[in-house]
Full PDB file with SEQRES, HELIX, SHEET, SSBOND, CRYST1, ORIGX, SCALE, CONECT and MASTER records, all heavy atoms in Angstrom:
SEQRES   1 A   38  TYR PHE LEU TYR VAL ILE TYR ARG LEU ILE VAL ILE LYS          
SEQRES   2 A   38  GLN THR ASP LEU THR THR TYR ILE SER ALA THR ALA LEU          
SEQRES   3 A   38  ILE LEU SER ILE LEU VAL SER PHE ARG GLN LYS ILE              
HELIX    1 AA1 PHE A    2  VAL A   11  1                                  10    
HELIX    2 AA2 LEU A   17  SER A   33  1                                  17    
CRYST1    1.000    1.000    1.000  90.00  90.00  90.00 P 1           1          
ORIGX1      1.000000  0.000000  0.000000        0.00000                         
ORIGX2      0.000000  1.000000  0.000000        0.00000                         
ORIGX3      0.000000  0.000000  1.000000        0.00000                         
SCALE1      1.000000  0.000000  0.000000        0.00000                         
SCALE2      0.000000  1.000000  0.000000        0.00000                         
SCALE3      0.000000  0.000000  1.000000        0.00000                         
ATOM      1  N   TYR A   1    -125.990 -25.844 -34.025  1.00  0.00           N  
ATOM      2  CA  TYR A   1    -126.720 -24.634 -34.396  1.00  0.00           C  
ATOM      3  C   TYR A   1    -126.400 -23.497 -33.440  1.00  0.00           C  
ATOM      4  O   TYR A   1    -126.342 -22.338 -33.850  1.00  0.00           O  
ATOM      5  CB  TYR A   1    -128.227 -24.904 -34.416  1.00  0.00           C  
ATOM      6  CG  TYR A   1    -129.004 -23.776 -35.054  1.00  0.00           C  
ATOM      7  CD1 TYR A   1    -128.927 -23.540 -36.421  1.00  0.00           C  
ATOM      8  CD2 TYR A   1    -129.795 -22.925 -34.286  1.00  0.00           C  
ATOM      9  CE1 TYR A   1    -129.614 -22.494 -37.005  1.00  0.00           C  
ATOM     10  CE2 TYR A   1    -130.490 -21.877 -34.862  1.00  0.00           C  
ATOM     11  CZ  TYR A   1    -130.392 -21.674 -36.229  1.00  0.00           C  
ATOM     12  OH  TYR A   1    -131.070 -20.618 -36.811  1.00  0.00           O  
ATOM     13  N   PHE A   2    -126.167 -23.809 -32.188  1.00  0.00           N  
ATOM     14  CA  PHE A   2    -125.765 -22.790 -31.214  1.00  0.00           C  
ATOM     15  C   PHE A   2    -124.456 -22.127 -31.644  1.00  0.00           C  
ATOM     16  O   PHE A   2    -124.322 -20.897 -31.583  1.00  0.00           O  
ATOM     17  CB  PHE A   2    -125.604 -23.425 -29.837  1.00  0.00           C  
ATOM     18  CG  PHE A   2    -124.843 -22.583 -28.854  1.00  0.00           C  
ATOM     19  CD1 PHE A   2    -125.419 -21.454 -28.286  1.00  0.00           C  
ATOM     20  CD2 PHE A   2    -123.546 -22.910 -28.504  1.00  0.00           C  
ATOM     21  CE1 PHE A   2    -124.712 -20.664 -27.386  1.00  0.00           C  
ATOM     22  CE2 PHE A   2    -122.835 -22.129 -27.604  1.00  0.00           C  
ATOM     23  CZ  PHE A   2    -123.413 -21.003 -27.045  1.00  0.00           C  
ATOM     24  N   LEU A   3    -123.486 -22.930 -32.092  1.00  0.00           N  
ATOM     25  CA  LEU A   3    -122.212 -22.376 -32.570  1.00  0.00           C  
ATOM     26  C   LEU A   3    -122.441 -21.426 -33.741  1.00  0.00           C  
ATOM     27  O   LEU A   3    -121.844 -20.340 -33.806  1.00  0.00           O  
ATOM     28  CB  LEU A   3    -121.272 -23.511 -32.986  1.00  0.00           C  
ATOM     29  CG  LEU A   3    -120.792 -24.451 -31.878  1.00  0.00           C  
ATOM     30  CD1 LEU A   3    -119.946 -25.577 -32.479  1.00  0.00           C  
ATOM     31  CD2 LEU A   3    -119.980 -23.688 -30.836  1.00  0.00           C  
ATOM     32  N   TYR A   4    -123.314 -21.837 -34.653  1.00  0.00           N  
ATOM     33  CA  TYR A   4    -123.614 -20.999 -35.815  1.00  0.00           C  
ATOM     34  C   TYR A   4    -124.275 -19.687 -35.390  1.00  0.00           C  
ATOM     35  O   TYR A   4    -123.915 -18.613 -35.894  1.00  0.00           O  
ATOM     36  CB  TYR A   4    -124.522 -21.749 -36.788  1.00  0.00           C  
ATOM     37  CG  TYR A   4    -125.135 -20.859 -37.844  1.00  0.00           C  
ATOM     38  CD1 TYR A   4    -124.370 -20.395 -38.916  1.00  0.00           C  
ATOM     39  CD2 TYR A   4    -126.464 -20.442 -37.750  1.00  0.00           C  
ATOM     40  CE1 TYR A   4    -124.922 -19.559 -39.874  1.00  0.00           C  
ATOM     41  CE2 TYR A   4    -127.026 -19.616 -38.704  1.00  0.00           C  
ATOM     42  CZ  TYR A   4    -126.254 -19.172 -39.762  1.00  0.00           C  
ATOM     43  OH  TYR A   4    -126.793 -18.334 -40.709  1.00  0.00           O  
ATOM     44  N   VAL A   5    -125.221 -19.764 -34.470  1.00  0.00           N  
ATOM     45  CA  VAL A   5    -125.955 -18.572 -34.033  1.00  0.00           C  
ATOM     46  C   VAL A   5    -125.023 -17.579 -33.355  1.00  0.00           C  
ATOM     47  O   VAL A   5    -125.079 -16.367 -33.627  1.00  0.00           O  
ATOM     48  CB  VAL A   5    -127.112 -18.957 -33.088  1.00  0.00           C  
ATOM     49  CG1 VAL A   5    -127.702 -17.722 -32.407  1.00  0.00           C  
ATOM     50  CG2 VAL A   5    -128.196 -19.691 -33.857  1.00  0.00           C  
ATOM     51  N   ILE A   6    -124.157 -18.050 -32.473  1.00  0.00           N  
ATOM     52  CA  ILE A   6    -123.215 -17.161 -31.797  1.00  0.00           C  
ATOM     53  C   ILE A   6    -122.309 -16.482 -32.818  1.00  0.00           C  
ATOM     54  O   ILE A   6    -122.083 -15.255 -32.760  1.00  0.00           O  
ATOM     55  CB  ILE A   6    -122.370 -17.940 -30.766  1.00  0.00           C  
ATOM     56  CG1 ILE A   6    -123.256 -18.416 -29.607  1.00  0.00           C  
ATOM     57  CG2 ILE A   6    -121.227 -17.074 -30.231  1.00  0.00           C  
ATOM     58  CD1 ILE A   6    -123.874 -17.304 -28.798  1.00  0.00           C  
ATOM     59  N   TYR A   7    -121.799 -17.266 -33.762  1.00  0.00           N  
ATOM     60  CA  TYR A   7    -120.956 -16.708 -34.824  1.00  0.00           C  
ATOM     61  C   TYR A   7    -121.730 -15.678 -35.641  1.00  0.00           C  
ATOM     62  O   TYR A   7    -121.227 -14.572 -35.907  1.00  0.00           O  
ATOM     63  CB  TYR A   7    -120.454 -17.837 -35.727  1.00  0.00           C  
ATOM     64  CG  TYR A   7    -119.878 -17.364 -37.043  1.00  0.00           C  
ATOM     65  CD1 TYR A   7    -118.606 -16.798 -37.113  1.00  0.00           C  
ATOM     66  CD2 TYR A   7    -120.625 -17.464 -38.227  1.00  0.00           C  
ATOM     67  CE1 TYR A   7    -118.086 -16.353 -38.328  1.00  0.00           C  
ATOM     68  CE2 TYR A   7    -120.118 -17.029 -39.438  1.00  0.00           C  
ATOM     69  CZ  TYR A   7    -118.848 -16.466 -39.484  1.00  0.00           C  
ATOM     70  OH  TYR A   7    -118.341 -16.020 -40.684  1.00  0.00           O  
ATOM     71  N   ARG A   8    -122.953 -16.018 -36.014  1.00  0.00           N  
ATOM     72  CA  ARG A   8    -123.771 -15.142 -36.857  1.00  0.00           C  
ATOM     73  C   ARG A   8    -124.105 -13.832 -36.149  1.00  0.00           C  
ATOM     74  O   ARG A   8    -124.018 -12.751 -36.753  1.00  0.00           O  
ATOM     75  CB  ARG A   8    -125.060 -15.879 -37.242  1.00  0.00           C  
ATOM     76  CG  ARG A   8    -125.965 -15.116 -38.182  1.00  0.00           C  
ATOM     77  CD  ARG A   8    -125.329 -14.913 -39.534  1.00  0.00           C  
ATOM     78  NE  ARG A   8    -126.235 -14.186 -40.426  1.00  0.00           N  
ATOM     79  CZ  ARG A   8    -125.846 -13.612 -41.554  1.00  0.00           C  
ATOM     80  NH1 ARG A   8    -124.570 -13.667 -41.922  1.00  0.00           N  
ATOM     81  NH2 ARG A   8    -126.719 -12.977 -42.309  1.00  0.00           N  
ATOM     82  N   LEU A   9    -124.467 -13.908 -34.888  1.00  0.00           N  
ATOM     83  CA  LEU A   9    -124.824 -12.701 -34.132  1.00  0.00           C  
ATOM     84  C   LEU A   9    -123.634 -11.767 -33.980  1.00  0.00           C  
ATOM     85  O   LEU A   9    -123.782 -10.537 -34.010  1.00  0.00           O  
ATOM     86  CB  LEU A   9    -125.371 -13.087 -32.756  1.00  0.00           C  
ATOM     87  CG  LEU A   9    -126.750 -13.754 -32.733  1.00  0.00           C  
ATOM     88  CD1 LEU A   9    -127.100 -14.206 -31.323  1.00  0.00           C  
ATOM     89  CD2 LEU A   9    -127.821 -12.787 -33.252  1.00  0.00           C  
ATOM     90  N   ILE A  10    -122.452 -12.340 -33.818  1.00  0.00           N  
ATOM     91  CA  ILE A  10    -121.241 -11.515 -33.705  1.00  0.00           C  
ATOM     92  C   ILE A  10    -120.925 -10.845 -35.032  1.00  0.00           C  
ATOM     93  O   ILE A  10    -120.583  -9.660 -35.084  1.00  0.00           O  
ATOM     94  CB  ILE A  10    -120.054 -12.373 -33.223  1.00  0.00           C  
ATOM     95  CG1 ILE A  10    -120.285 -12.836 -31.782  1.00  0.00           C  
ATOM     96  CG2 ILE A  10    -118.742 -11.589 -33.312  1.00  0.00           C  
ATOM     97  CD1 ILE A  10    -119.248 -13.803 -31.265  1.00  0.00           C  
ATOM     98  N   VAL A  11    -121.075 -11.594 -36.131  1.00  0.00           N  
ATOM     99  CA  VAL A  11    -120.765 -11.071 -37.465  1.00  0.00           C  
ATOM    100  C   VAL A  11    -121.706  -9.937 -37.843  1.00  0.00           C  
ATOM    101  O   VAL A  11    -121.269  -8.887 -38.349  1.00  0.00           O  
ATOM    102  CB  VAL A  11    -120.825 -12.199 -38.519  1.00  0.00           C  
ATOM    103  CG1 VAL A  11    -120.791 -11.611 -39.933  1.00  0.00           C  
ATOM    104  CG2 VAL A  11    -119.672 -13.158 -38.321  1.00  0.00           C  
ATOM    105  N   ILE A  12    -123.008 -10.113 -37.601  1.00  0.00           N  
ATOM    106  CA  ILE A  12    -123.974  -9.074 -37.980  1.00  0.00           C  
ATOM    107  C   ILE A  12    -124.150  -8.025 -36.878  1.00  0.00           C  
ATOM    108  O   ILE A  12    -124.964  -7.116 -37.002  1.00  0.00           O  
ATOM    109  CB  ILE A  12    -125.338  -9.699 -38.329  1.00  0.00           C  
ATOM    110  CG1 ILE A  12    -125.966 -10.374 -37.117  1.00  0.00           C  
ATOM    111  CG2 ILE A  12    -125.201 -10.664 -39.492  1.00  0.00           C  
ATOM    112  CD1 ILE A  12    -127.347 -10.954 -37.377  1.00  0.00           C  
ATOM    113  N   LYS A  13    -123.382  -8.164 -35.824  1.00  0.00           N  
ATOM    114  CA  LYS A  13    -123.344  -7.185 -34.724  1.00  0.00           C  
ATOM    115  C   LYS A  13    -124.721  -6.953 -34.088  1.00  0.00           C  
ATOM    116  O   LYS A  13    -125.139  -5.828 -33.842  1.00  0.00           O  
ATOM    117  CB  LYS A  13    -122.765  -5.856 -35.223  1.00  0.00           C  
ATOM    118  CG  LYS A  13    -121.315  -5.972 -35.695  1.00  0.00           C  
ATOM    119  CD  LYS A  13    -120.762  -4.653 -36.178  1.00  0.00           C  
ATOM    120  CE  LYS A  13    -119.313  -4.816 -36.626  1.00  0.00           C  
ATOM    121  NZ  LYS A  13    -118.722  -3.544 -37.112  1.00  0.00           N  
ATOM    122  N   GLN A  14    -125.407  -8.058 -33.818  1.00  0.00           N  
ATOM    123  CA  GLN A  14    -126.683  -7.995 -33.104  1.00  0.00           C  
ATOM    124  C   GLN A  14    -126.533  -8.687 -31.749  1.00  0.00           C  
ATOM    125  O   GLN A  14    -127.263  -9.604 -31.402  1.00  0.00           O  
ATOM    126  CB  GLN A  14    -127.792  -8.648 -33.924  1.00  0.00           C  
ATOM    127  CG  GLN A  14    -128.195  -7.855 -35.153  1.00  0.00           C  
ATOM    128  CD  GLN A  14    -129.401  -8.454 -35.862  1.00  0.00           C  
ATOM    129  OE1 GLN A  14    -129.970  -9.446 -35.419  1.00  0.00           O  
ATOM    130  NE2 GLN A  14    -129.800  -7.835 -36.972  1.00  0.00           N  
ATOM    131  N   THR A  15    -125.554  -8.233 -31.016  1.00  0.00           N  
ATOM    132  CA  THR A  15    -125.224  -8.862 -29.737  1.00  0.00           C  
ATOM    133  C   THR A  15    -125.844  -8.088 -28.576  1.00  0.00           C  
ATOM    134  O   THR A  15    -125.534  -6.922 -28.359  1.00  0.00           O  
ATOM    135  CB  THR A  15    -123.695  -8.909 -29.554  1.00  0.00           C  
ATOM    136  OG1 THR A  15    -123.146  -7.608 -29.821  1.00  0.00           O  
ATOM    137  CG2 THR A  15    -123.071  -9.919 -30.497  1.00  0.00           C  
ATOM    138  N   ASP A  16    -126.709  -8.777 -27.830  1.00  0.00           N  
ATOM    139  CA  ASP A  16    -127.267  -8.188 -26.620  1.00  0.00           C  
ATOM    140  C   ASP A  16    -126.513  -8.738 -25.411  1.00  0.00           C  
ATOM    141  O   ASP A  16    -125.515  -9.446 -25.555  1.00  0.00           O  
ATOM    142  CB  ASP A  16    -128.771  -8.462 -26.522  1.00  0.00           C  
ATOM    143  CG  ASP A  16    -129.087  -9.955 -26.548  1.00  0.00           C  
ATOM    144  OD1 ASP A  16    -128.151 -10.783 -26.528  1.00  0.00           O  
ATOM    145  OD2 ASP A  16    -130.285 -10.303 -26.577  1.00  0.00           O  
ATOM    146  N   LEU A  17    -126.993  -8.441 -24.226  1.00  0.00           N  
ATOM    147  CA  LEU A  17    -126.315  -8.880 -23.006  1.00  0.00           C  
ATOM    148  C   LEU A  17    -126.240 -10.403 -22.935  1.00  0.00           C  
ATOM    149  O   LEU A  17    -125.190 -10.964 -22.584  1.00  0.00           O  
ATOM    150  CB  LEU A  17    -127.041  -8.328 -21.777  1.00  0.00           C  
ATOM    151  CG  LEU A  17    -126.490  -8.754 -20.409  1.00  0.00           C  
ATOM    152  CD1 LEU A  17    -125.035  -8.348 -20.254  1.00  0.00           C  
ATOM    153  CD2 LEU A  17    -127.346  -8.168 -19.282  1.00  0.00           C  
ATOM    154  N   THR A  18    -127.324 -11.072 -23.279  1.00  0.00           N  
ATOM    155  CA  THR A  18    -127.346 -12.536 -23.239  1.00  0.00           C  
ATOM    156  C   THR A  18    -126.317 -13.128 -24.178  1.00  0.00           C  
ATOM    157  O   THR A  18    -125.614 -14.091 -23.836  1.00  0.00           O  
ATOM    158  CB  THR A  18    -128.746 -13.065 -23.597  1.00  0.00           C  
ATOM    159  OG1 THR A  18    -129.707 -12.499 -22.709  1.00  0.00           O  
ATOM    160  CG2 THR A  18    -128.799 -14.570 -23.505  1.00  0.00           C  
ATOM    161  N   THR A  19    -126.204 -12.572 -25.370  1.00  0.00           N  
ATOM    162  CA  THR A  19    -125.224 -13.059 -26.340  1.00  0.00           C  
ATOM    163  C   THR A  19    -123.809 -12.875 -25.820  1.00  0.00           C  
ATOM    164  O   THR A  19    -122.961 -13.775 -25.969  1.00  0.00           O  
ATOM    165  CB  THR A  19    -125.381 -12.325 -27.683  1.00  0.00           C  
ATOM    166  OG1 THR A  19    -126.732 -12.431 -28.131  1.00  0.00           O  
ATOM    167  CG2 THR A  19    -124.446 -12.899 -28.724  1.00  0.00           C  
ATOM    168  N   TYR A  20    -123.530 -11.735 -25.206  1.00  0.00           N  
ATOM    169  CA  TYR A  20    -122.197 -11.488 -24.646  1.00  0.00           C  
ATOM    170  C   TYR A  20    -121.856 -12.527 -23.574  1.00  0.00           C  
ATOM    171  O   TYR A  20    -120.728 -13.037 -23.520  1.00  0.00           O  
ATOM    172  CB  TYR A  20    -122.123 -10.083 -24.051  1.00  0.00           C  
ATOM    173  CG  TYR A  20    -121.505  -9.075 -24.982  1.00  0.00           C  
ATOM    174  CD1 TYR A  20    -122.272  -8.448 -25.957  1.00  0.00           C  
ATOM    175  CD2 TYR A  20    -120.158  -8.752 -24.902  1.00  0.00           C  
ATOM    176  CE1 TYR A  20    -121.719  -7.527 -26.832  1.00  0.00           C  
ATOM    177  CE2 TYR A  20    -119.582  -7.828 -25.766  1.00  0.00           C  
ATOM    178  CZ  TYR A  20    -120.368  -7.213 -26.723  1.00  0.00           C  
ATOM    179  OH  TYR A  20    -119.815  -6.309 -27.583  1.00  0.00           O  
ATOM    180  N   ILE A  21    -122.818 -12.841 -22.741  1.00  0.00           N  
ATOM    181  CA  ILE A  21    -122.580 -13.805 -21.662  1.00  0.00           C  
ATOM    182  C   ILE A  21    -122.335 -15.197 -22.244  1.00  0.00           C  
ATOM    183  O   ILE A  21    -121.375 -15.887 -21.863  1.00  0.00           O  
ATOM    184  CB  ILE A  21    -123.770 -13.826 -20.680  1.00  0.00           C  
ATOM    185  CG1 ILE A  21    -123.873 -12.479 -19.952  1.00  0.00           C  
ATOM    186  CG2 ILE A  21    -123.616 -14.958 -19.673  1.00  0.00           C  
ATOM    187  CD1 ILE A  21    -125.126 -12.332 -19.104  1.00  0.00           C  
ATOM    188  N   SER A  22    -123.181 -15.621 -23.168  1.00  0.00           N  
ATOM    189  CA  SER A  22    -123.046 -16.959 -23.758  1.00  0.00           C  
ATOM    190  C   SER A  22    -121.765 -17.080 -24.579  1.00  0.00           C  
ATOM    191  O   SER A  22    -121.054 -18.088 -24.487  1.00  0.00           O  
ATOM    192  CB  SER A  22    -124.255 -17.278 -24.639  1.00  0.00           C  
ATOM    193  OG  SER A  22    -125.423 -17.408 -23.867  1.00  0.00           O  
ATOM    194  N   ALA A  23    -121.479 -16.062 -25.372  1.00  0.00           N  
ATOM    195  CA  ALA A  23    -120.283 -16.099 -26.219  1.00  0.00           C  
ATOM    196  C   ALA A  23    -119.012 -16.104 -25.379  1.00  0.00           C  
ATOM    197  O   ALA A  23    -118.050 -16.821 -25.685  1.00  0.00           O  
ATOM    198  CB  ALA A  23    -120.284 -14.914 -27.174  1.00  0.00           C  
ATOM    199  N   THR A  24    -118.994 -15.309 -24.324  1.00  0.00           N  
ATOM    200  CA  THR A  24    -117.825 -15.267 -23.441  1.00  0.00           C  
ATOM    201  C   THR A  24    -117.567 -16.634 -22.822  1.00  0.00           C  
ATOM    202  O   THR A  24    -116.427 -17.122 -22.795  1.00  0.00           O  
ATOM    203  CB  THR A  24    -118.018 -14.230 -22.322  1.00  0.00           C  
ATOM    204  OG1 THR A  24    -118.216 -12.940 -22.910  1.00  0.00           O  
ATOM    205  CG2 THR A  24    -116.809 -14.194 -21.393  1.00  0.00           C  
ATOM    206  N   ALA A  25    -118.621 -17.271 -22.312  1.00  0.00           N  
ATOM    207  CA  ALA A  25    -118.479 -18.597 -21.687  1.00  0.00           C  
ATOM    208  C   ALA A  25    -118.012 -19.631 -22.702  1.00  0.00           C  
ATOM    209  O   ALA A  25    -117.121 -20.444 -22.416  1.00  0.00           O  
ATOM    210  CB  ALA A  25    -119.799 -19.018 -21.056  1.00  0.00           C  
ATOM    211  N   LEU A  26    -118.599 -19.605 -23.890  1.00  0.00           N  
ATOM    212  CA  LEU A  26    -118.239 -20.571 -24.926  1.00  0.00           C  
ATOM    213  C   LEU A  26    -116.783 -20.416 -25.361  1.00  0.00           C  
ATOM    214  O   LEU A  26    -116.018 -21.384 -25.362  1.00  0.00           O  
ATOM    215  CB  LEU A  26    -119.163 -20.415 -26.128  1.00  0.00           C  
ATOM    216  CG  LEU A  26    -118.807 -21.282 -27.341  1.00  0.00           C  
ATOM    217  CD1 LEU A  26    -119.037 -22.756 -27.035  1.00  0.00           C  
ATOM    218  CD2 LEU A  26    -119.613 -20.846 -28.565  1.00  0.00           C  
ATOM    219  N   ILE A  27    -116.403 -19.194 -25.727  1.00  0.00           N  
ATOM    220  CA  ILE A  27    -115.051 -18.955 -26.235  1.00  0.00           C  
ATOM    221  C   ILE A  27    -114.008 -19.243 -25.160  1.00  0.00           C  
ATOM    222  O   ILE A  27    -112.970 -19.868 -25.423  1.00  0.00           O  
ATOM    223  CB  ILE A  27    -114.933 -17.505 -26.744  1.00  0.00           C  
ATOM    224  CG1 ILE A  27    -115.839 -17.307 -27.963  1.00  0.00           C  
ATOM    225  CG2 ILE A  27    -113.485 -17.175 -27.104  1.00  0.00           C  
ATOM    226  CD1 ILE A  27    -115.972 -15.868 -28.413  1.00  0.00           C  
ATOM    227  N   LEU A  28    -114.281 -18.820 -23.922  1.00  0.00           N  
ATOM    228  CA  LEU A  28    -113.335 -19.050 -22.831  1.00  0.00           C  
ATOM    229  C   LEU A  28    -113.172 -20.546 -22.560  1.00  0.00           C  
ATOM    230  O   LEU A  28    -112.047 -21.029 -22.356  1.00  0.00           O  
ATOM    231  CB  LEU A  28    -113.811 -18.332 -21.576  1.00  0.00           C  
ATOM    232  CG  LEU A  28    -112.864 -18.366 -20.370  1.00  0.00           C  
ATOM    233  CD1 LEU A  28    -111.536 -17.694 -20.710  1.00  0.00           C  
ATOM    234  CD2 LEU A  28    -113.506 -17.676 -19.165  1.00  0.00           C  
ATOM    235  N   SER A  29    -114.269 -21.282 -22.571  1.00  0.00           N  
ATOM    236  CA  SER A  29    -114.189 -22.725 -22.314  1.00  0.00           C  
ATOM    237  C   SER A  29    -113.395 -23.444 -23.400  1.00  0.00           C  
ATOM    238  O   SER A  29    -112.630 -24.366 -23.115  1.00  0.00           O  
ATOM    239  CB  SER A  29    -115.589 -23.324 -22.200  1.00  0.00           C  
ATOM    240  OG  SER A  29    -116.291 -23.211 -23.426  1.00  0.00           O  
ATOM    241  N   ILE A  30    -113.569 -23.018 -24.635  1.00  0.00           N  
ATOM    242  CA  ILE A  30    -112.833 -23.634 -25.747  1.00  0.00           C  
ATOM    243  C   ILE A  30    -111.345 -23.312 -25.643  1.00  0.00           C  
ATOM    244  O   ILE A  30    -110.489 -24.197 -25.812  1.00  0.00           O  
ATOM    245  CB  ILE A  30    -113.404 -23.165 -27.095  1.00  0.00           C  
ATOM    246  CG1 ILE A  30    -114.795 -23.779 -27.313  1.00  0.00           C  
ATOM    247  CG2 ILE A  30    -112.472 -23.542 -28.238  1.00  0.00           C  
ATOM    248  CD1 ILE A  30    -115.508 -23.287 -28.546  1.00  0.00           C  
ATOM    249  N   LEU A  31    -111.017 -22.069 -25.331  1.00  0.00           N  
ATOM    250  CA  LEU A  31    -109.607 -21.673 -25.204  1.00  0.00           C  
ATOM    251  C   LEU A  31    -108.919 -22.429 -24.070  1.00  0.00           C  
ATOM    252  O   LEU A  31    -107.802 -22.937 -24.232  1.00  0.00           O  
ATOM    253  CB  LEU A  31    -109.504 -20.163 -24.971  1.00  0.00           C  
ATOM    254  CG  LEU A  31    -109.887 -19.260 -26.147  1.00  0.00           C  
ATOM    255  CD1 LEU A  31    -109.827 -17.788 -25.732  1.00  0.00           C  
ATOM    256  CD2 LEU A  31    -108.956 -19.510 -27.331  1.00  0.00           C  
ATOM    257  N   VAL A  32    -109.580 -22.525 -22.930  1.00  0.00           N  
ATOM    258  CA  VAL A  32    -108.993 -23.222 -21.777  1.00  0.00           C  
ATOM    259  C   VAL A  32    -108.851 -24.713 -22.062  1.00  0.00           C  
ATOM    260  O   VAL A  32    -107.864 -25.341 -21.650  1.00  0.00           O  
ATOM    261  CB  VAL A  32    -109.846 -23.003 -20.508  1.00  0.00           C  
ATOM    262  CG1 VAL A  32    -109.307 -23.841 -19.348  1.00  0.00           C  
ATOM    263  CG2 VAL A  32    -109.848 -21.526 -20.123  1.00  0.00           C  
ATOM    264  N   SER A  33    -109.814 -25.290 -22.794  1.00  0.00           N  
ATOM    265  CA  SER A  33    -109.787 -26.733 -23.058  1.00  0.00           C  
ATOM    266  C   SER A  33    -108.640 -27.128 -23.986  1.00  0.00           C  
ATOM    267  O   SER A  33    -108.312 -28.319 -24.079  1.00  0.00           O  
ATOM    268  CB  SER A  33    -111.117 -27.200 -23.648  1.00  0.00           C  
ATOM    269  OG  SER A  33    -111.343 -26.631 -24.920  1.00  0.00           O  
ATOM    270  N   PHE A  34    -108.026 -26.177 -24.658  1.00  0.00           N  
ATOM    271  CA  PHE A  34    -106.835 -26.484 -25.445  1.00  0.00           C  
ATOM    272  C   PHE A  34    -105.676 -26.896 -24.537  1.00  0.00           C  
ATOM    273  O   PHE A  34    -104.774 -27.617 -24.958  1.00  0.00           O  
ATOM    274  CB  PHE A  34    -106.415 -25.277 -26.291  1.00  0.00           C  
ATOM    275  CG  PHE A  34    -107.163 -25.160 -27.581  1.00  0.00           C  
ATOM    276  CD1 PHE A  34    -108.023 -24.118 -27.803  1.00  0.00           C  
ATOM    277  CD2 PHE A  34    -107.009 -26.113 -28.581  1.00  0.00           C  
ATOM    278  CE1 PHE A  34    -108.725 -23.997 -28.996  1.00  0.00           C  
ATOM    279  CE2 PHE A  34    -107.695 -26.010 -29.781  1.00  0.00           C  
ATOM    280  CZ  PHE A  34    -108.557 -24.943 -29.990  1.00  0.00           C  
ATOM    281  N   ARG A  35    -105.710 -26.415 -23.279  1.00  0.00           N  
ATOM    282  CA  ARG A  35    -104.631 -26.724 -22.350  1.00  0.00           C  
ATOM    283  C   ARG A  35    -104.995 -27.795 -21.333  1.00  0.00           C  
ATOM    284  O   ARG A  35    -104.198 -28.664 -21.009  1.00  0.00           O  
ATOM    285  CB  ARG A  35    -104.217 -25.452 -21.576  1.00  0.00           C  
ATOM    286  CG  ARG A  35    -103.010 -25.708 -20.685  1.00  0.00           C  
ATOM    287  CD  ARG A  35    -102.908 -24.761 -19.517  1.00  0.00           C  
ATOM    288  NE  ARG A  35    -101.710 -25.071 -18.740  1.00  0.00           N  
ATOM    289  CZ  ARG A  35    -101.663 -26.001 -17.784  1.00  0.00           C  
ATOM    290  NH1 ARG A  35    -102.740 -26.704 -17.500  1.00  0.00           N  
ATOM    291  NH2 ARG A  35    -100.541 -26.246 -17.131  1.00  0.00           N  
ATOM    292  N   GLN A  36    -106.224 -27.742 -20.803  1.00  0.00           N  
ATOM    293  CA  GLN A  36    -106.587 -28.623 -19.698  1.00  0.00           C  
ATOM    294  C   GLN A  36    -108.072 -28.942 -19.711  1.00  0.00           C  
ATOM    295  O   GLN A  36    -108.853 -28.307 -20.420  1.00  0.00           O  
ATOM    296  CB  GLN A  36    -106.237 -27.956 -18.362  1.00  0.00           C  
ATOM    297  CG  GLN A  36    -107.028 -26.688 -18.080  1.00  0.00           C  
ATOM    298  CD  GLN A  36    -106.453 -25.888 -16.934  1.00  0.00           C  
ATOM    299  OE1 GLN A  36    -105.287 -25.517 -16.936  1.00  0.00           O  
ATOM    300  NE2 GLN A  36    -107.287 -25.624 -15.932  1.00  0.00           N  
ATOM    301  N   LYS A  37    -108.441 -29.913 -18.902  1.00  0.00           N  
ATOM    302  CA  LYS A  37    -109.839 -30.286 -18.762  1.00  0.00           C  
ATOM    303  C   LYS A  37    -110.567 -29.219 -17.963  1.00  0.00           C  
ATOM    304  O   LYS A  37    -110.069 -28.745 -16.949  1.00  0.00           O  
ATOM    305  CB  LYS A  37    -109.947 -31.640 -18.049  1.00  0.00           C  
ATOM    306  CG  LYS A  37    -111.348 -32.213 -18.044  1.00  0.00           C  
ATOM    307  CD  LYS A  37    -111.353 -33.626 -17.466  1.00  0.00           C  
ATOM    308  CE  LYS A  37    -112.739 -34.237 -17.528  1.00  0.00           C  
ATOM    309  NZ  LYS A  37    -112.749 -35.628 -17.015  1.00  0.00           N  
ATOM    310  N   ILE A  38    -111.740 -28.846 -18.418  1.00  0.00           N  
ATOM    311  CA  ILE A  38    -112.503 -27.800 -17.747  1.00  0.00           C  
ATOM    312  C   ILE A  38    -113.631 -28.402 -16.918  1.00  0.00           C  
ATOM    313  O   ILE A  38    -114.055 -29.533 -17.151  1.00  0.00           O  
ATOM    314  CB  ILE A  38    -113.095 -26.781 -18.748  1.00  0.00           C  
ATOM    315  CG1 ILE A  38    -114.140 -27.462 -19.646  1.00  0.00           C  
ATOM    316  CG2 ILE A  38    -112.008 -26.130 -19.574  1.00  0.00           C  
ATOM    317  CD1 ILE A  38    -114.955 -26.493 -20.483  1.00  0.00           C  
TER     318      ILE A  38                                                      
MASTER        0    0    0    2    0    0    0    6  317    1    0    3          
END                                                                             
């Protein structure tokens, strides 16, 4: 549900500071994990 909420908030453009922080951490961790263990 967290994945859905982050996606939904970005799509409807209701992103506050907390959303930016959480989304940045999530997306960055997923991108890095394609190459190596985080």
